[in-house]
Amino acid sequence: MDKLIEHPWFKKGYKPAVMLGTPRSSNSLNDVQAAFSTDHKEAEEPDSPLKPVSLNAFDIISLSKGFDLSGLFEQNQEQKASSRFMTHKPASAIVSKLEQIAETESFKVKKQDGLVKLQGSKEGRKGQLAIDAEIFEVTPSCYVVEVKKSAGDTLEYERFCKKDLRPSLKDICWSTQAEEKNASLPPLTPSSKSITRNAI
């Protein structure tokens, strides 16, 4: 191998590949407390609009559980607690709803580039519960929100989602992953059979 690398062809004009952008992941934030500490406040406008990340066709396809290939590339193979829902409300309405939930549950809120971070104030079994809600724009009138636990106990996260988050989001939520899993096609009735035959 060393002889191959010493060959003039490798030396002349070879430039190692450089990643232009790294995908955002919950693992990139090593210290959740540091993100919420008030010691180093960033100069940000309080009313700056949140810009959701736009999804392309490949992103939308990868949202399907059967086409998710992230397990092939991610080093951390443990199952992450997360859920998704769709809404037709604008990003500002989604963020304000998340802020209302955070206020009633005494969570701190931090917003940046389509990501809303919520951090609990209570110490749980595995530290403070921290949740990331990432807003993706599918079309100007359709958004996907992915909510996932970034720190804390998984059971506390699931309890928070079941008792507080899901009921509070019902008025803006179009459909959730859980609803899509449980949804089934209506049974084929005799009247619908005749309609199908007539249509053919």
N, C-alpha and C. Protein backbone atom coordinates (compact mmCIF):
# COMPACT_ATOMS: atom_id res chain seq x y z
N MET A 1 0.82 -1.19 0.00
CA MET A 1 0.00 0.00 0.00
C MET A 1 0.87 1.26 0.00
N ASP A 2 1.96 1.21 0.78
CA ASP A 2 2.85 2.37 0.84
C ASP A 2 3.47 2.67 -0.52
N LYS A 3 3.78 1.61 -1.29
CA LYS A 3 4.37 1.81 -2.61
C LYS A 3 3.38 2.49 -3.55
N LEU A 4 2.12 2.15 -3.42
CA LEU A 4 1.10 2.79 -4.26
C LEU A 4 1.00 4.28 -3.96
N ILE A 5 1.03 4.62 -2.70
CA ILE A 5 0.92 6.03 -2.31
C ILE A 5 2.14 6.82 -2.74
N GLU A 6 3.31 6.18 -2.81
CA GLU A 6 4.54 6.85 -3.23
C GLU A 6 4.61 7.05 -4.74
N HIS A 7 3.74 6.44 -5.50
CA HIS A 7 3.72 6.56 -6.96
C HIS A 7 3.47 8.02 -7.33
N PRO A 8 4.16 8.54 -8.38
CA PRO A 8 4.01 9.95 -8.78
C PRO A 8 2.56 10.32 -9.12
N TRP A 9 1.79 9.36 -9.61
CA TRP A 9 0.39 9.66 -9.96
C TRP A 9 -0.40 10.11 -8.73
N PHE A 10 -0.11 9.51 -7.56
CA PHE A 10 -0.80 9.89 -6.34
C PHE A 10 -0.34 11.24 -5.82
N LYS A 11 0.96 11.53 -6.03
CA LYS A 11 1.52 12.76 -5.49
C LYS A 11 1.13 13.99 -6.30
N LYS A 12 0.97 13.83 -7.60
CA LYS A 12 0.72 14.97 -8.47
C LYS A 12 -0.76 15.36 -8.44
N GLY A 13 -1.03 16.51 -7.89
CA GLY A 13 -2.37 17.07 -7.92
C GLY A 13 -3.40 16.39 -7.04
N TYR A 14 -2.98 15.47 -6.20
CA TYR A 14 -3.96 14.80 -5.33
C TYR A 14 -4.35 15.70 -4.19
N LYS A 15 -5.65 15.86 -4.02
CA LYS A 15 -6.17 16.61 -2.89
C LYS A 15 -7.18 15.73 -2.17
N PRO A 16 -7.02 15.54 -0.87
CA PRO A 16 -7.97 14.69 -0.15
C PRO A 16 -9.37 15.31 -0.17
N ALA A 17 -10.38 14.46 -0.21
CA ALA A 17 -11.77 14.93 -0.24
C ALA A 17 -12.10 15.64 1.06
N VAL A 18 -12.79 16.76 0.93
CA VAL A 18 -13.20 17.54 2.09
C VAL A 18 -14.72 17.63 2.09
N MET A 19 -15.33 17.33 3.22
CA MET A 19 -16.79 17.45 3.34
C MET A 19 -17.15 18.92 3.43
N LEU A 20 -18.03 19.37 2.54
CA LEU A 20 -18.44 20.77 2.54
C LEU A 20 -19.37 21.09 3.69
N GLY A 21 -20.27 20.20 3.98
CA GLY A 21 -21.22 20.41 5.08
C GLY A 21 -21.46 19.10 5.78
N THR A 22 -21.53 19.15 7.07
CA THR A 22 -21.82 17.92 7.81
C THR A 22 -23.28 17.93 8.21
N PRO A 23 -23.97 16.80 8.11
CA PRO A 23 -25.37 16.76 8.50
C PRO A 23 -25.51 17.00 10.00
N ARG A 24 -26.59 17.71 10.34
CA ARG A 24 -26.84 18.01 11.74
C ARG A 24 -27.36 16.76 12.43
N SER A 25 -26.80 16.46 13.60
CA SER A 25 -27.29 15.31 14.36
C SER A 25 -27.33 15.67 15.83
N SER A 26 -28.09 14.93 16.57
CA SER A 26 -28.19 15.20 17.99
C SER A 26 -26.88 14.88 18.70
N ASN A 27 -26.00 14.06 18.09
CA ASN A 27 -24.73 13.71 18.70
C ASN A 27 -23.72 14.84 18.61
N SER A 28 -23.94 15.83 17.74
CA SER A 28 -22.98 16.91 17.59
C SER A 28 -22.97 17.83 18.81
N LEU A 29 -24.00 17.78 19.62
CA LEU A 29 -24.06 18.59 20.82
C LEU A 29 -23.61 17.73 21.99
N ASN A 30 -22.34 17.88 22.37
CA ASN A 30 -21.79 17.03 23.43
C ASN A 30 -22.30 17.44 24.80
N ASP A 31 -22.50 18.71 25.02
CA ASP A 31 -22.90 19.17 26.34
C ASP A 31 -24.19 19.96 26.22
N VAL A 32 -25.29 19.33 26.58
CA VAL A 32 -26.60 19.98 26.46
C VAL A 32 -26.68 21.19 27.38
N GLN A 33 -26.11 21.08 28.58
CA GLN A 33 -26.16 22.20 29.52
C GLN A 33 -25.43 23.42 28.95
N ALA A 34 -24.35 23.20 28.21
CA ALA A 34 -23.60 24.31 27.64
C ALA A 34 -24.43 25.07 26.62
N ALA A 35 -25.30 24.38 25.92
CA ALA A 35 -26.14 25.03 24.92
C ALA A 35 -27.15 25.96 25.56
N PHE A 36 -27.54 25.66 26.80
CA PHE A 36 -28.56 26.47 27.47
C PHE A 36 -27.99 27.40 28.52
N SER A 37 -26.67 27.37 28.74
CA SER A 37 -26.11 28.20 29.78
C SER A 37 -26.21 29.67 29.38
N THR A 38 -26.38 30.52 30.38
CA THR A 38 -26.54 31.95 30.13
C THR A 38 -25.21 32.68 30.21
N ASP A 39 -24.11 31.95 30.45
CA ASP A 39 -22.80 32.59 30.55
C ASP A 39 -22.34 33.19 29.24
N HIS A 40 -22.63 32.53 28.14
CA HIS A 40 -22.19 33.02 26.83
C HIS A 40 -23.40 33.19 25.91
N LYS A 41 -24.16 34.25 26.18
CA LYS A 41 -25.34 34.51 25.37
C LYS A 41 -24.91 34.99 23.99
N GLU A 42 -25.58 34.47 22.99
CA GLU A 42 -25.31 34.90 21.62
C GLU A 42 -26.19 36.11 21.32
N ALA A 43 -25.66 36.99 20.49
CA ALA A 43 -26.44 38.16 20.11
C ALA A 43 -27.43 37.74 19.03
N GLU A 44 -28.66 37.46 19.46
CA GLU A 44 -29.68 37.07 18.50
C GLU A 44 -30.92 37.91 18.73
N GLU A 45 -31.61 38.18 17.67
CA GLU A 45 -32.82 38.97 17.77
C GLU A 45 -33.93 38.12 18.34
N PRO A 46 -34.70 38.65 19.31
CA PRO A 46 -35.75 37.85 19.92
C PRO A 46 -36.87 37.50 18.95
N ASP A 47 -37.13 38.35 17.97
CA ASP A 47 -38.23 38.11 17.04
C ASP A 47 -37.74 37.67 15.66
N SER A 48 -36.51 37.14 15.58
CA SER A 48 -36.02 36.69 14.28
C SER A 48 -36.83 35.49 13.81
N PRO A 49 -37.23 35.48 12.54
CA PRO A 49 -38.06 34.37 12.05
C PRO A 49 -37.26 33.08 11.97
N LEU A 50 -37.92 31.99 12.33
CA LEU A 50 -37.29 30.68 12.28
C LEU A 50 -37.39 30.15 10.87
N LYS A 51 -36.27 29.77 10.29
CA LYS A 51 -36.26 29.28 8.91
C LYS A 51 -36.18 27.76 8.92
N PRO A 52 -37.27 27.09 8.57
CA PRO A 52 -37.23 25.63 8.56
C PRO A 52 -36.38 25.11 7.40
N VAL A 53 -35.83 23.94 7.59
CA VAL A 53 -35.02 23.27 6.57
C VAL A 53 -35.96 22.74 5.50
N SER A 54 -35.65 22.99 4.22
CA SER A 54 -36.47 22.47 3.13
C SER A 54 -36.06 21.04 2.82
N LEU A 55 -37.05 20.21 2.55
CA LEU A 55 -36.79 18.81 2.21
C LEU A 55 -36.82 18.62 0.71
N ASN A 56 -35.87 17.84 0.19
CA ASN A 56 -35.93 17.47 -1.22
C ASN A 56 -36.55 16.07 -1.32
N ALA A 57 -36.65 15.56 -2.53
CA ALA A 57 -37.31 14.26 -2.74
C ALA A 57 -36.61 13.14 -1.99
N PHE A 58 -35.28 13.17 -1.95
CA PHE A 58 -34.54 12.11 -1.25
C PHE A 58 -34.80 12.16 0.25
N ASP A 59 -34.90 13.38 0.80
CA ASP A 59 -35.21 13.52 2.23
C ASP A 59 -36.58 12.95 2.54
N ILE A 60 -37.54 13.25 1.68
CA ILE A 60 -38.91 12.76 1.90
C ILE A 60 -38.96 11.24 1.82
N ILE A 61 -38.25 10.67 0.85
CA ILE A 61 -38.21 9.21 0.73
C ILE A 61 -37.57 8.59 1.97
N SER A 62 -36.52 9.22 2.49
CA SER A 62 -35.83 8.66 3.65
C SER A 62 -36.67 8.73 4.92
N LEU A 63 -37.72 9.56 4.92
CA LEU A 63 -38.62 9.61 6.08
C LEU A 63 -39.42 8.32 6.22
N SER A 64 -39.57 7.60 5.12
CA SER A 64 -40.27 6.32 5.16
C SER A 64 -39.40 5.31 5.90
N LYS A 65 -39.98 4.63 6.86
CA LYS A 65 -39.21 3.71 7.69
C LYS A 65 -38.51 2.63 6.87
N GLY A 66 -39.15 2.14 5.82
CA GLY A 66 -38.57 1.09 5.00
C GLY A 66 -37.39 1.54 4.18
N PHE A 67 -37.29 2.84 3.89
CA PHE A 67 -36.20 3.35 3.07
C PHE A 67 -35.13 4.07 3.88
N ASP A 68 -35.22 4.04 5.19
CA ASP A 68 -34.25 4.72 6.05
C ASP A 68 -32.97 3.89 6.10
N LEU A 69 -31.92 4.40 5.49
CA LEU A 69 -30.64 3.69 5.43
C LEU A 69 -29.63 4.24 6.43
N SER A 70 -30.07 5.10 7.35
CA SER A 70 -29.13 5.72 8.28
C SER A 70 -28.41 4.69 9.15
N GLY A 71 -29.03 3.54 9.40
CA GLY A 71 -28.38 2.50 10.19
C GLY A 71 -27.11 1.98 9.56
N LEU A 72 -26.99 2.11 8.24
CA LEU A 72 -25.78 1.67 7.56
C LEU A 72 -24.61 2.62 7.77
N PHE A 73 -24.91 3.88 8.07
CA PHE A 73 -23.87 4.90 8.12
C PHE A 73 -23.61 5.44 9.51
N GLU A 74 -24.58 5.34 10.42
CA GLU A 74 -24.40 5.88 11.76
C GLU A 74 -23.66 4.88 12.62
N GLN A 75 -22.76 5.41 13.45
CA GLN A 75 -21.98 4.54 14.31
C GLN A 75 -22.76 4.16 15.56
N ASN A 76 -23.60 5.06 16.05
CA ASN A 76 -24.39 4.78 17.25
C ASN A 76 -25.66 4.06 16.83
N GLN A 77 -25.74 2.76 17.08
CA GLN A 77 -26.85 1.95 16.59
C GLN A 77 -28.03 1.88 17.56
N GLU A 78 -27.94 2.51 18.73
CA GLU A 78 -29.04 2.39 19.68
C GLU A 78 -30.27 3.12 19.16
N GLN A 79 -31.43 2.60 19.52
CA GLN A 79 -32.70 3.17 19.06
C GLN A 79 -32.92 4.53 19.72
N LYS A 80 -33.16 5.55 18.94
CA LYS A 80 -33.38 6.87 19.49
C LYS A 80 -34.87 7.13 19.63
N ALA A 81 -35.24 7.75 20.74
CA ALA A 81 -36.64 8.07 20.98
C ALA A 81 -37.00 9.29 20.15
N SER A 82 -37.88 9.10 19.18
CA SER A 82 -38.29 10.22 18.33
C SER A 82 -39.66 9.93 17.74
N SER A 83 -40.30 11.00 17.29
CA SER A 83 -41.57 10.87 16.58
C SER A 83 -41.70 12.04 15.62
N ARG A 84 -42.57 11.88 14.64
CA ARG A 84 -42.80 12.92 13.63
C ARG A 84 -44.28 13.19 13.52
N PHE A 85 -44.59 14.43 13.15
CA PHE A 85 -45.97 14.74 12.79
C PHE A 85 -45.97 15.76 11.66
N MET A 86 -47.08 15.78 10.94
CA MET A 86 -47.24 16.73 9.84
C MET A 86 -48.24 17.79 10.25
N THR A 87 -48.06 18.98 9.70
CA THR A 87 -48.97 20.07 9.98
C THR A 87 -49.02 21.01 8.78
N HIS A 88 -50.13 21.73 8.66
CA HIS A 88 -50.24 22.74 7.61
C HIS A 88 -50.05 24.14 8.19
N LYS A 89 -49.79 24.23 9.49
CA LYS A 89 -49.55 25.52 10.14
C LYS A 89 -48.15 26.01 9.80
N PRO A 90 -47.94 27.33 9.74
CA PRO A 90 -46.61 27.85 9.42
C PRO A 90 -45.63 27.60 10.57
N ALA A 91 -44.35 27.75 10.27
CA ALA A 91 -43.30 27.48 11.26
C ALA A 91 -43.47 28.35 12.51
N SER A 92 -43.90 29.59 12.33
CA SER A 92 -44.08 30.48 13.49
C SER A 92 -45.14 29.94 14.44
N ALA A 93 -46.23 29.36 13.90
CA ALA A 93 -47.28 28.79 14.74
C ALA A 93 -46.78 27.54 15.47
N ILE A 94 -45.96 26.75 14.79
CA ILE A 94 -45.40 25.54 15.41
C ILE A 94 -44.49 25.94 16.57
N VAL A 95 -43.64 26.93 16.33
CA VAL A 95 -42.70 27.38 17.36
C VAL A 95 -43.45 27.96 18.54
N SER A 96 -44.48 28.78 18.29
CA SER A 96 -45.22 29.38 19.40
C SER A 96 -45.94 28.31 20.22
N LYS A 97 -46.42 27.26 19.56
CA LYS A 97 -47.06 26.15 20.27
C LYS A 97 -46.04 25.43 21.14
N LEU A 98 -44.85 25.18 20.60
CA LEU A 98 -43.80 24.54 21.39
C LEU A 98 -43.37 25.42 22.57
N GLU A 99 -43.36 26.73 22.36
CA GLU A 99 -43.02 27.65 23.45
C GLU A 99 -44.09 27.63 24.55
N GLN A 100 -45.37 27.53 24.16
CA GLN A 100 -46.45 27.42 25.15
C GLN A 100 -46.28 26.16 25.99
N ILE A 101 -45.99 25.04 25.32
CA ILE A 101 -45.79 23.77 26.03
C ILE A 101 -44.59 23.90 26.97
N ALA A 102 -43.52 24.51 26.49
CA ALA A 102 -42.31 24.68 27.30
C ALA A 102 -42.60 25.54 28.53
N GLU A 103 -43.40 26.58 28.36
CA GLU A 103 -43.72 27.47 29.47
C GLU A 103 -44.53 26.75 30.54
N THR A 104 -45.53 25.97 30.13
CA THR A 104 -46.35 25.26 31.12
C THR A 104 -45.57 24.15 31.82
N GLU A 105 -44.57 23.59 31.17
CA GLU A 105 -43.79 22.50 31.75
C GLU A 105 -42.45 22.97 32.32
N SER A 106 -42.22 24.28 32.38
CA SER A 106 -40.99 24.87 32.91
C SER A 106 -39.74 24.41 32.16
N PHE A 107 -39.82 24.39 30.84
CA PHE A 107 -38.68 24.06 29.99
C PHE A 107 -38.05 25.35 29.50
N LYS A 108 -36.74 25.33 29.29
CA LYS A 108 -36.06 26.45 28.64
C LYS A 108 -36.13 26.21 27.14
N VAL A 109 -36.18 27.29 26.36
CA VAL A 109 -36.32 27.18 24.90
C VAL A 109 -35.15 27.89 24.23
N LYS A 110 -34.60 27.24 23.20
CA LYS A 110 -33.57 27.86 22.37
C LYS A 110 -33.92 27.56 20.92
N LYS A 111 -33.90 28.59 20.05
CA LYS A 111 -34.26 28.42 18.64
C LYS A 111 -33.07 28.75 17.76
N GLN A 112 -32.89 27.92 16.71
CA GLN A 112 -31.87 28.23 15.71
C GLN A 112 -32.11 27.40 14.45
N ASP A 113 -32.17 28.05 13.31
CA ASP A 113 -32.23 27.41 11.99
C ASP A 113 -33.18 26.22 11.90
N GLY A 114 -34.42 26.41 12.20
CA GLY A 114 -35.40 25.33 12.06
C GLY A 114 -35.37 24.32 13.17
N LEU A 115 -34.58 24.57 14.21
CA LEU A 115 -34.47 23.65 15.34
C LEU A 115 -34.89 24.37 16.61
N VAL A 116 -35.79 23.75 17.36
CA VAL A 116 -36.23 24.29 18.65
C VAL A 116 -35.76 23.30 19.71
N LYS A 117 -34.94 23.78 20.64
CA LYS A 117 -34.42 22.92 21.70
C LYS A 117 -35.17 23.25 22.99
N LEU A 118 -35.67 22.21 23.64
CA LEU A 118 -36.36 22.36 24.91
C LEU A 118 -35.55 21.61 25.97
N GLN A 119 -35.29 22.26 27.10
CA GLN A 119 -34.57 21.59 28.18
C GLN A 119 -35.35 21.73 29.46
N GLY A 120 -35.60 20.59 30.11
CA GLY A 120 -36.33 20.57 31.37
C GLY A 120 -35.52 21.18 32.49
N SER A 121 -36.23 21.71 33.48
CA SER A 121 -35.56 22.32 34.62
C SER A 121 -35.39 21.33 35.77
N LYS A 122 -36.15 20.23 35.74
CA LYS A 122 -36.09 19.24 36.82
C LYS A 122 -35.03 18.19 36.50
N GLU A 123 -34.35 17.76 37.54
CA GLU A 123 -33.34 16.71 37.40
C GLU A 123 -34.05 15.36 37.39
N GLY A 124 -33.87 14.60 36.33
CA GLY A 124 -34.50 13.29 36.21
C GLY A 124 -33.55 12.17 36.60
N ARG A 125 -33.93 10.95 36.25
CA ARG A 125 -33.11 9.78 36.59
C ARG A 125 -31.76 9.83 35.88
N LYS A 126 -31.74 10.34 34.66
CA LYS A 126 -30.50 10.41 33.87
C LYS A 126 -30.19 11.85 33.49
N GLY A 127 -30.40 12.77 34.40
CA GLY A 127 -30.15 14.18 34.13
C GLY A 127 -31.41 14.88 33.66
N GLN A 128 -31.23 16.10 33.20
CA GLN A 128 -32.36 16.89 32.72
C GLN A 128 -32.81 16.39 31.36
N LEU A 129 -34.11 16.36 31.16
CA LEU A 129 -34.68 15.95 29.88
C LEU A 129 -34.46 17.06 28.86
N ALA A 130 -33.92 16.73 27.72
CA ALA A 130 -33.71 17.70 26.64
C ALA A 130 -34.32 17.13 25.36
N ILE A 131 -35.07 17.97 24.67
CA ILE A 131 -35.81 17.55 23.48
C ILE A 131 -35.49 18.50 22.34
N ASP A 132 -35.25 17.93 21.15
CA ASP A 132 -35.05 18.72 19.94
C ASP A 132 -36.27 18.56 19.06
N ALA A 133 -36.82 19.67 18.60
CA ALA A 133 -37.92 19.64 17.63
C ALA A 133 -37.42 20.33 16.37
N GLU A 134 -37.26 19.56 15.31
CA GLU A 134 -36.75 20.11 14.06
C GLU A 134 -37.89 20.24 13.07
N ILE A 135 -38.01 21.42 12.46
CA ILE A 135 -39.10 21.73 11.54
C ILE A 135 -38.56 21.67 10.12
N PHE A 136 -39.22 20.86 9.28
CA PHE A 136 -38.85 20.72 7.88
C PHE A 136 -39.99 21.20 7.01
N GLU A 137 -39.67 21.97 5.97
CA GLU A 137 -40.68 22.45 5.03
C GLU A 137 -40.74 21.50 3.83
N VAL A 138 -41.89 20.86 3.65
CA VAL A 138 -42.10 20.01 2.49
C VAL A 138 -42.58 20.87 1.33
N THR A 139 -43.61 21.66 1.58
CA THR A 139 -44.12 22.68 0.66
C THR A 139 -44.41 23.91 1.51
N PRO A 140 -44.70 25.06 0.90
CA PRO A 140 -45.01 26.23 1.72
C PRO A 140 -46.22 26.06 2.64
N SER A 141 -47.06 25.07 2.38
CA SER A 141 -48.22 24.85 3.25
C SER A 141 -48.19 23.50 3.96
N CYS A 142 -47.05 22.82 3.95
CA CYS A 142 -46.96 21.50 4.59
C CYS A 142 -45.59 21.37 5.28
N TYR A 143 -45.64 21.07 6.57
CA TYR A 143 -44.41 20.94 7.35
C TYR A 143 -44.38 19.60 8.06
N VAL A 144 -43.17 19.07 8.23
CA VAL A 144 -42.95 17.87 9.03
C VAL A 144 -42.12 18.32 10.23
N VAL A 145 -42.56 17.91 11.42
CA VAL A 145 -41.83 18.23 12.64
C VAL A 145 -41.35 16.92 13.25
N GLU A 146 -40.04 16.83 13.45
CA GLU A 146 -39.45 15.65 14.08
C GLU A 146 -39.06 16.03 15.50
N VAL A 147 -39.62 15.32 16.46
CA VAL A 147 -39.34 15.57 17.88
C VAL A 147 -38.54 14.39 18.40
N LYS A 148 -37.37 14.68 18.99
CA LYS A 148 -36.56 13.57 19.51
C LYS A 148 -35.88 13.96 20.81
N LYS A 149 -35.61 12.96 21.61
CA LYS A 149 -34.93 13.15 22.89
C LYS A 149 -33.44 13.30 22.60
N SER A 150 -32.84 14.36 23.13
CA SER A 150 -31.40 14.54 22.95
C SER A 150 -30.62 14.25 24.23
N ALA A 151 -31.31 14.28 25.38
CA ALA A 151 -30.66 13.95 26.65
C ALA A 151 -31.75 13.58 27.66
N GLY A 152 -31.34 12.86 28.69
CA GLY A 152 -32.29 12.49 29.73
C GLY A 152 -32.78 11.06 29.58
N ASP A 153 -33.76 10.72 30.39
CA ASP A 153 -34.28 9.36 30.45
C ASP A 153 -35.35 9.13 29.39
N THR A 154 -35.29 7.99 28.72
CA THR A 154 -36.24 7.66 27.66
C THR A 154 -37.65 7.50 28.20
N LEU A 155 -37.80 6.88 29.37
CA LEU A 155 -39.13 6.72 29.96
C LEU A 155 -39.76 8.06 30.30
N GLU A 156 -38.96 8.99 30.83
CA GLU A 156 -39.46 10.33 31.13
C GLU A 156 -39.86 11.05 29.85
N TYR A 157 -39.08 10.85 28.79
CA TYR A 157 -39.41 11.46 27.50
C TYR A 157 -40.74 10.92 26.98
N GLU A 158 -40.91 9.59 27.02
CA GLU A 158 -42.15 8.99 26.53
C GLU A 158 -43.35 9.44 27.36
N ARG A 159 -43.18 9.54 28.67
CA ARG A 159 -44.26 10.02 29.55
C ARG A 159 -44.61 11.47 29.20
N PHE A 160 -43.58 12.31 28.99
CA PHE A 160 -43.81 13.71 28.63
C PHE A 160 -44.57 13.80 27.30
N CYS A 161 -44.16 12.99 26.33
CA CYS A 161 -44.84 13.01 25.02
C CYS A 161 -46.30 12.59 25.14
N LYS A 162 -46.54 11.53 25.90
CA LYS A 162 -47.90 10.99 26.01
C LYS A 162 -48.83 11.91 26.78
N LYS A 163 -48.36 12.46 27.90
CA LYS A 163 -49.24 13.26 28.77
C LYS A 163 -49.28 14.73 28.42
N ASP A 164 -48.19 15.27 27.90
CA ASP A 164 -48.12 16.72 27.70
C ASP A 164 -48.00 17.15 26.24
N LEU A 165 -47.05 16.57 25.54
CA LEU A 165 -46.74 17.04 24.18
C LEU A 165 -47.85 16.72 23.18
N ARG A 166 -48.21 15.45 23.05
CA ARG A 166 -49.22 15.05 22.06
C ARG A 166 -50.57 15.72 22.28
N PRO A 167 -51.11 15.73 23.52
CA PRO A 167 -52.40 16.41 23.71
C PRO A 167 -52.34 17.90 23.38
N SER A 168 -51.21 18.54 23.66
CA SER A 168 -51.08 19.98 23.39
C SER A 168 -50.94 20.28 21.91
N LEU A 169 -50.42 19.32 21.13
CA LEU A 169 -50.20 19.55 19.70
C LEU A 169 -51.39 19.13 18.83
N LYS A 170 -52.44 18.58 19.44
CA LYS A 170 -53.56 18.06 18.65
C LYS A 170 -54.19 19.10 17.73
N ASP A 171 -54.25 20.36 18.16
CA ASP A 171 -54.91 21.37 17.33
C ASP A 171 -54.09 21.81 16.12
N ILE A 172 -52.77 21.56 16.12
CA ILE A 172 -51.97 21.91 14.94
C ILE A 172 -51.50 20.68 14.18
N CYS A 173 -51.66 19.51 14.77
CA CYS A 173 -51.15 18.28 14.19
C CYS A 173 -52.09 17.74 13.12
N TRP A 174 -51.53 17.45 11.96
CA TRP A 174 -52.30 16.90 10.84
C TRP A 174 -52.35 15.39 10.95
N SER A 175 -51.19 14.76 11.08
CA SER A 175 -51.12 13.32 11.32
C SER A 175 -49.78 13.00 11.97
N THR A 176 -49.75 11.91 12.74
CA THR A 176 -48.52 11.49 13.40
C THR A 176 -48.11 10.13 12.87
N GLN A 177 -46.88 9.73 13.16
CA GLN A 177 -46.41 8.41 12.77
C GLN A 177 -47.28 7.32 13.39
N ALA A 178 -47.65 7.50 14.66
CA ALA A 178 -48.44 6.49 15.35
C ALA A 178 -49.81 6.33 14.69
N GLU A 179 -50.43 7.46 14.29
CA GLU A 179 -51.73 7.39 13.62
C GLU A 179 -51.60 6.69 12.28
N GLU A 180 -50.49 6.96 11.56
CA GLU A 180 -50.30 6.32 10.26
C GLU A 180 -50.08 4.82 10.40
N LYS A 181 -49.41 4.39 11.47
CA LYS A 181 -49.21 2.96 11.70
C LYS A 181 -50.53 2.26 11.97
N ASN A 182 -51.39 2.92 12.77
CA ASN A 182 -52.66 2.31 13.17
C ASN A 182 -53.75 2.49 12.13
N ALA A 183 -53.53 3.39 11.18
CA ALA A 183 -54.57 3.64 10.17
C ALA A 183 -54.63 2.47 9.20
N SER A 184 -55.84 2.09 8.88
CA SER A 184 -56.02 1.02 7.88
C SER A 184 -57.07 1.48 6.89
N LEU A 185 -57.05 0.88 5.73
CA LEU A 185 -58.02 1.24 4.71
C LEU A 185 -59.40 0.77 5.14
N PRO A 186 -60.45 1.51 4.81
CA PRO A 186 -61.79 1.07 5.17
C PRO A 186 -62.12 -0.22 4.43
N PRO A 187 -62.94 -1.07 5.05
CA PRO A 187 -63.28 -2.33 4.39
C PRO A 187 -64.03 -2.09 3.10
N LEU A 188 -63.84 -2.97 2.16
CA LEU A 188 -64.49 -2.87 0.86
C LEU A 188 -65.94 -3.31 1.01
N THR A 189 -66.86 -2.38 0.88
CA THR A 189 -68.29 -2.69 1.04
C THR A 189 -68.89 -3.00 -0.32
N PRO A 190 -70.06 -3.65 -0.36
CA PRO A 190 -70.70 -3.96 -1.64
C PRO A 190 -70.92 -2.73 -2.51
N SER A 191 -71.28 -1.60 -1.88
CA SER A 191 -71.53 -0.40 -2.69
C SER A 191 -70.25 0.11 -3.33
N SER A 192 -69.13 0.01 -2.62
CA SER A 192 -67.87 0.48 -3.20
C SER A 192 -67.39 -0.46 -4.29
N LYS A 193 -67.74 -1.77 -4.20
CA LYS A 193 -67.38 -2.71 -5.26
C LYS A 193 -68.10 -2.34 -6.55
N SER A 194 -69.37 -2.01 -6.43
CA SER A 194 -70.13 -1.67 -7.63
C SER A 194 -69.63 -0.37 -8.24
N ILE A 195 -69.22 0.57 -7.40
CA ILE A 195 -68.67 1.83 -7.91
C ILE A 195 -67.38 1.54 -8.67
N THR A 196 -66.55 0.65 -8.12
CA THR A 196 -65.29 0.30 -8.78
C THR A 196 -65.54 -0.37 -10.12
N ARG A 197 -66.50 -1.29 -10.16
CA ARG A 197 -66.82 -1.97 -11.42
C ARG A 197 -67.32 -0.99 -12.46
N ASN A 198 -68.17 -0.06 -12.03
CA ASN A 198 -68.73 0.92 -12.97
C ASN A 198 -67.65 1.88 -13.47
N ALA A 199 -66.67 2.16 -12.61
CA ALA A 199 -65.60 3.08 -13.02
C ALA A 199 -64.68 2.44 -14.04
N ILE A 200 -64.55 1.11 -13.99
CA ILE A 200 -63.66 0.40 -14.92
C ILE A 200 -64.38 0.26 -16.22
